[in-house]
Amino acid sequence: MLKRILKNEKGLTLIELLAVVVILGIIAAIAVPAIGKIIDDSRQKAVVSDALQIINASKIAKAQNPSKNKFDGTGGDDAVDLDDYLDSPLPTGVVVTFDATSGQWSINGHTKLESANTQYSLGFTDGTNGISETDLVDFLENGKKAATGG
C-alpha cells in the first residue's frame, strides 16, 4: 500500500521544471523587444501629435488674424502669440509659419520633435520653414514621412 502511494506521487521532475524555464525564457526574449518597439512607436507618435496640435492652434489663430502668417509663444516679430490658443504654454523657440503661396503649414524649433527625428531616424527634413504639416500627418497615418519636405 505504501509503495502504491509513493508511485502515485504527482509533481514536476527537474527536467520538466527546466523545460518550463527555457520556454519562459524564449517567450521573454521575443516579447521584450516587441514591447520596447511599441513603446518607442507611441513616443514618436505622441511628439508628432503634439506638433500637429500646435499647428492646429495656429490655424485657429490664423482664422482670427487673417493677415498673419507667423505664430509663436511671444507674439513678437509680427507674430501671433499661440499661448492664448493652447492649454499649456508653447515650448520656447517654437515657430509655426503659413506659406500663403503653397498653403503649407510648417513648424520649426520644436526641440522634442527634432530630437525624436534624430533619435528614431523618422526621416523628416527641415524645409525653409521647418517640418511640414503634410509630413507630420503622413507619418501618423502611414508610419512614414511624406516625400514633400517643408
C-alpha atoms as a PDB file:
ATOM      1  CA  MET A   1       0.000   0.000   0.000  1.00  0.00           C
ATOM      2  CA  LEU A   2       2.793   2.409   0.870  1.00  0.00           C
ATOM      3  CA  LYS A   3       4.554   1.615  -2.433  1.00  0.00           C
ATOM      4  CA  ARG A   4       1.408   2.431  -4.397  1.00  0.00           C
ATOM      5  CA  ILE A   5       1.073   5.807  -2.632  1.00  0.00           C
ATOM      6  CA  LEU A   6       4.702   6.649  -3.400  1.00  0.00           C
ATOM      7  CA  LYS A   7       4.267   5.669  -7.070  1.00  0.00           C
ATOM      8  CA  ASN A   8       1.199   7.924  -7.434  1.00  0.00           C
ATOM      9  CA  GLU A   9       3.167  10.990  -6.351  1.00  0.00           C
ATOM     10  CA  LYS A  10       2.439  13.867  -8.662  1.00  0.00           C
ATOM     11  CA  GLY A  11       4.862  16.720  -9.173  1.00  0.00           C
ATOM     12  CA  LEU A  12       7.454  18.137 -11.502  1.00  0.00           C
ATOM     13  CA  THR A  13      10.738  16.483 -12.211  1.00  0.00           C
ATOM     14  CA  LEU A  14      13.842  18.599 -12.599  1.00  0.00           C
ATOM     15  CA  ILE A  15      13.753  18.102 -16.386  1.00  0.00           C
ATOM     16  CA  GLU A  16      10.152  19.296 -16.602  1.00  0.00           C
ATOM     17  CA  LEU A  17      10.966  22.332 -14.483  1.00  0.00           C
ATOM     18  CA  LEU A  18      13.955  23.178 -16.698  1.00  0.00           C
ATOM     19  CA  ALA A  19      11.789  22.845 -19.812  1.00  0.00           C
ATOM     20  CA  VAL A  20       9.286  25.327 -18.375  1.00  0.00           C
ATOM     21  CA  VAL A  21      12.077  27.780 -17.516  1.00  0.00           C
ATOM     22  CA  VAL A  22      13.534  27.510 -21.039  1.00  0.00           C
ATOM     23  CA  ILE A  23      10.121  28.092 -22.640  1.00  0.00           C
ATOM     24  CA  LEU A  24       9.518  31.149 -20.438  1.00  0.00           C
ATOM     25  CA  GLY A  25      12.965  32.459 -21.394  1.00  0.00           C
ATOM     26  CA  ILE A  26      12.186  32.106 -25.094  1.00  0.00           C
ATOM     27  CA  ILE A  27       8.857  33.905 -24.680  1.00  0.00           C
ATOM     28  CA  ALA A  28      10.554  36.727 -22.748  1.00  0.00           C
ATOM     29  CA  ALA A  29      13.279  37.046 -25.392  1.00  0.00           C
ATOM     30  CA  ILE A  30      10.604  37.566 -28.043  1.00  0.00           C
ATOM     31  CA  ALA A  31       8.219  39.762 -26.028  1.00  0.00           C
ATOM     32  CA  VAL A  32      10.636  42.301 -24.512  1.00  0.00           C
ATOM     33  CA  PRO A  33      11.909  43.752 -27.825  1.00  0.00           C
ATOM     34  CA  ALA A  34       8.371  43.810 -29.240  1.00  0.00           C
ATOM     35  CA  ILE A  35       7.082  45.749 -26.234  1.00  0.00           C
ATOM     36  CA  GLY A  36      10.069  48.111 -26.474  1.00  0.00           C
ATOM     37  CA  LYS A  37       9.195  48.852 -30.108  1.00  0.00           C
ATOM     38  CA  ILE A  38       5.570  49.541 -29.198  1.00  0.00           C
ATOM     39  CA  ILE A  39       6.703  51.998 -26.511  1.00  0.00           C
ATOM     40  CA  ASP A  40       9.085  53.759 -28.932  1.00  0.00           C
ATOM     41  CA  ASP A  41       6.361  53.993 -31.591  1.00  0.00           C
ATOM     42  CA  SER A  42       3.941  55.546 -29.101  1.00  0.00           C
ATOM     43  CA  ARG A  43       6.575  58.090 -28.004  1.00  0.00           C
ATOM     44  CA  GLN A  44       7.219  59.076 -31.619  1.00  0.00           C
ATOM     45  CA  LYS A  45       3.528  59.463 -32.375  1.00  0.00           C
ATOM     46  CA  ALA A  46       2.972  61.498 -29.193  1.00  0.00           C
ATOM     47  CA  VAL A  47       5.644  64.023 -30.204  1.00  0.00           C
ATOM     48  CA  VAL A  48       4.278  64.270 -33.758  1.00  0.00           C
ATOM     49  CA  SER A  49       0.723  64.672 -32.411  1.00  0.00           C
ATOM     50  CA  ASP A  50       1.924  67.468 -30.132  1.00  0.00           C
ATOM     51  CA  ALA A  51       3.441  69.286 -33.121  1.00  0.00           C
ATOM     52  CA  LEU A  52       0.205  68.859 -35.086  1.00  0.00           C
ATOM     53  CA  GLN A  53      -1.808  70.218 -32.163  1.00  0.00           C
ATOM     54  CA  ILE A  54       0.376  73.339 -32.201  1.00  0.00           C
ATOM     55  CA  ILE A  55      -0.196  73.704 -35.962  1.00  0.00           C
ATOM     56  CA  ASN A  56      -3.957  73.307 -35.439  1.00  0.00           C
ATOM     57  CA  ALA A  57      -3.886  76.050 -32.794  1.00  0.00           C
ATOM     58  CA  SER A  58      -2.089  78.197 -35.375  1.00  0.00           C
ATOM     59  CA  LYS A  59      -4.910  77.585 -37.848  1.00  0.00           C
ATOM     60  CA  ILE A  60      -7.415  78.907 -35.311  1.00  0.00           C
ATOM     61  CA  ALA A  61      -5.163  81.917 -34.690  1.00  0.00           C
ATOM     62  CA  LYS A  62      -4.889  82.445 -38.463  1.00  0.00           C
ATOM     63  CA  ALA A  63      -8.689  82.439 -38.782  1.00  0.00           C
ATOM     64  CA  GLN A  64      -8.844  85.222 -36.193  1.00  0.00           C
ATOM     65  CA  ASN A  65      -5.821  87.082 -37.618  1.00  0.00           C
ATOM     66  CA  PRO A  66      -6.013  86.561 -41.402  1.00  0.00           C
ATOM     67  CA  SER A  67      -3.134  88.905 -42.213  1.00  0.00           C
ATOM     68  CA  LYS A  68      -0.642  86.991 -40.038  1.00  0.00           C
ATOM     69  CA  ASN A  69       1.483  84.084 -41.285  1.00  0.00           C
ATOM     70  CA  LYS A  70       3.793  83.565 -38.292  1.00  0.00           C
ATOM     71  CA  PHE A  71       2.815  82.166 -34.900  1.00  0.00           C
ATOM     72  CA  ASP A  72       4.971  81.715 -31.776  1.00  0.00           C
ATOM     73  CA  GLY A  73       4.872  81.840 -27.988  1.00  0.00           C
ATOM     74  CA  THR A  74       5.693  85.527 -27.589  1.00  0.00           C
ATOM     75  CA  GLY A  75       3.743  87.412 -30.231  1.00  0.00           C
ATOM     76  CA  GLY A  76       6.930  89.281 -31.094  1.00  0.00           C
ATOM     77  CA  ASP A  77       8.421  89.878 -34.530  1.00  0.00           C
ATOM     78  CA  ASP A  78       4.989  90.453 -36.153  1.00  0.00           C
ATOM     79  CA  ALA A  79       3.763  87.045 -34.960  1.00  0.00           C
ATOM     80  CA  VAL A  80       0.599  85.920 -33.183  1.00  0.00           C
ATOM     81  CA  ASP A  81       1.058  84.630 -29.609  1.00  0.00           C
ATOM     82  CA  LEU A  82      -0.119  80.992 -29.604  1.00  0.00           C
ATOM     83  CA  ASP A  83      -0.246  80.708 -25.821  1.00  0.00           C
ATOM     84  CA  ASP A  84      -3.787  82.098 -25.993  1.00  0.00           C
ATOM     85  CA  TYR A  85      -4.810  79.137 -28.181  1.00  0.00           C
ATOM     86  CA  LEU A  86      -3.185  76.263 -26.254  1.00  0.00           C
ATOM     87  CA  ASP A  87      -3.941  74.668 -22.879  1.00  0.00           C
ATOM     88  CA  SER A  88      -0.259  74.589 -21.930  1.00  0.00           C
ATOM     89  CA  PRO A  89       2.450  77.118 -22.794  1.00  0.00           C
ATOM     90  CA  LEU A  90       4.114  76.755 -26.176  1.00  0.00           C
ATOM     91  CA  PRO A  91       7.648  75.326 -25.851  1.00  0.00           C
ATOM     92  CA  THR A  92      10.289  78.057 -26.107  1.00  0.00           C
ATOM     93  CA  GLY A  93      11.581  78.644 -29.607  1.00  0.00           C
ATOM     94  CA  VAL A  94       8.700  77.015 -31.485  1.00  0.00           C
ATOM     95  CA  VAL A  95       7.541  78.982 -34.514  1.00  0.00           C
ATOM     96  CA  VAL A  96       4.733  77.967 -36.876  1.00  0.00           C
ATOM     97  CA  THR A  97       4.578  79.531 -40.317  1.00  0.00           C
ATOM     98  CA  PHE A  98       1.993  79.545 -43.067  1.00  0.00           C
ATOM     99  CA  ASP A  99       3.121  79.853 -46.678  1.00  0.00           C
ATOM    100  CA  ALA A 100       0.257  81.652 -48.406  1.00  0.00           C
ATOM    101  CA  THR A 101       1.580  80.696 -51.850  1.00  0.00           C
ATOM    102  CA  SER A 102       1.632  76.932 -51.300  1.00  0.00           C
ATOM    103  CA  GLY A 103      -0.940  76.811 -48.496  1.00  0.00           C
ATOM    104  CA  GLN A 104       1.571  74.772 -46.465  1.00  0.00           C
ATOM    105  CA  TRP A 105       1.929  74.940 -42.667  1.00  0.00           C
ATOM    106  CA  SER A 106       5.333  74.241 -41.087  1.00  0.00           C
ATOM    107  CA  ILE A 107       6.715  74.028 -37.565  1.00  0.00           C
ATOM    108  CA  ASN A 108      10.248  74.956 -36.575  1.00  0.00           C
ATOM    109  CA  GLY A 109      12.183  74.956 -33.302  1.00  0.00           C
ATOM    110  CA  HIS A 110      10.203  72.131 -31.656  1.00  0.00           C
ATOM    111  CA  THR A 111      13.120  70.526 -29.813  1.00  0.00           C
ATOM    112  CA  LYS A 112      11.261  67.335 -28.841  1.00  0.00           C
ATOM    113  CA  LEU A 113      10.231  66.776 -32.459  1.00  0.00           C
ATOM    114  CA  GLU A 114      13.737  67.468 -33.714  1.00  0.00           C
ATOM    115  CA  SER A 115      15.234  65.152 -31.060  1.00  0.00           C
ATOM    116  CA  ALA A 116      12.785  62.356 -31.941  1.00  0.00           C
ATOM    117  CA  ASN A 117      13.566  62.882 -35.621  1.00  0.00           C
ATOM    118  CA  THR A 118      17.265  62.349 -34.907  1.00  0.00           C
ATOM    119  CA  GLN A 119      16.947  59.634 -32.239  1.00  0.00           C
ATOM    120  CA  TYR A 120      14.456  57.451 -34.099  1.00  0.00           C
ATOM    121  CA  SER A 121      15.515  58.365 -37.668  1.00  0.00           C
ATOM    122  CA  LEU A 122      11.998  59.497 -38.557  1.00  0.00           C
ATOM    123  CA  GLY A 123      13.250  60.996 -41.802  1.00  0.00           C
ATOM    124  CA  PHE A 124      11.732  64.471 -41.501  1.00  0.00           C
ATOM    125  CA  THR A 125      13.735  67.117 -43.327  1.00  0.00           C
ATOM    126  CA  ASP A 126      13.655  70.734 -42.289  1.00  0.00           C
ATOM    127  CA  GLY A 127      12.447  72.780 -45.211  1.00  0.00           C
ATOM    128  CA  THR A 128      12.740  76.545 -45.382  1.00  0.00           C
ATOM    129  CA  ASN A 129      10.292  76.995 -42.509  1.00  0.00           C
ATOM    130  CA  GLY A 130      10.763  73.711 -40.645  1.00  0.00           C
ATOM    131  CA  ILE A 131       8.934  70.391 -40.814  1.00  0.00           C
ATOM    132  CA  SER A 132       5.764  70.467 -42.884  1.00  0.00           C
ATOM    133  CA  GLU A 133       2.304  69.562 -41.655  1.00  0.00           C
ATOM    134  CA  THR A 134       1.976  67.176 -44.618  1.00  0.00           C
ATOM    135  CA  ASP A 135       4.975  65.149 -43.428  1.00  0.00           C
ATOM    136  CA  LEU A 136       3.633  65.007 -39.870  1.00  0.00           C
ATOM    137  CA  VAL A 137       0.151  63.873 -40.933  1.00  0.00           C
ATOM    138  CA  ASP A 138       1.594  61.279 -43.308  1.00  0.00           C
ATOM    139  CA  PHE A 139       3.774  59.922 -40.508  1.00  0.00           C
ATOM    140  CA  LEU A 140       0.766  59.451 -38.225  1.00  0.00           C
ATOM    141  CA  GLU A 141      -1.371  57.878 -40.938  1.00  0.00           C
ATOM    142  CA  ASN A 142       1.224  55.691 -42.639  1.00  0.00           C
ATOM    143  CA  GLY A 143       4.125  55.459 -40.210  1.00  0.00           C
ATOM    144  CA  LYS A 144       6.406  57.289 -42.610  1.00  0.00           C
ATOM    145  CA  LYS A 145       7.079  60.799 -43.757  1.00  0.00           C
ATOM    146  CA  ALA A 146       5.746  62.291 -46.951  1.00  0.00           C
ATOM    147  CA  ALA A 147       8.189  62.948 -49.759  1.00  0.00           C
ATOM    148  CA  THR A 148       7.340  66.651 -49.917  1.00  0.00           C
ATOM    149  CA  GLY A 149       9.727  68.230 -47.405  1.00  0.00           C
ATOM    150  CA  GLY A 150       8.891  71.508 -45.659  1.00  0.00           C
END
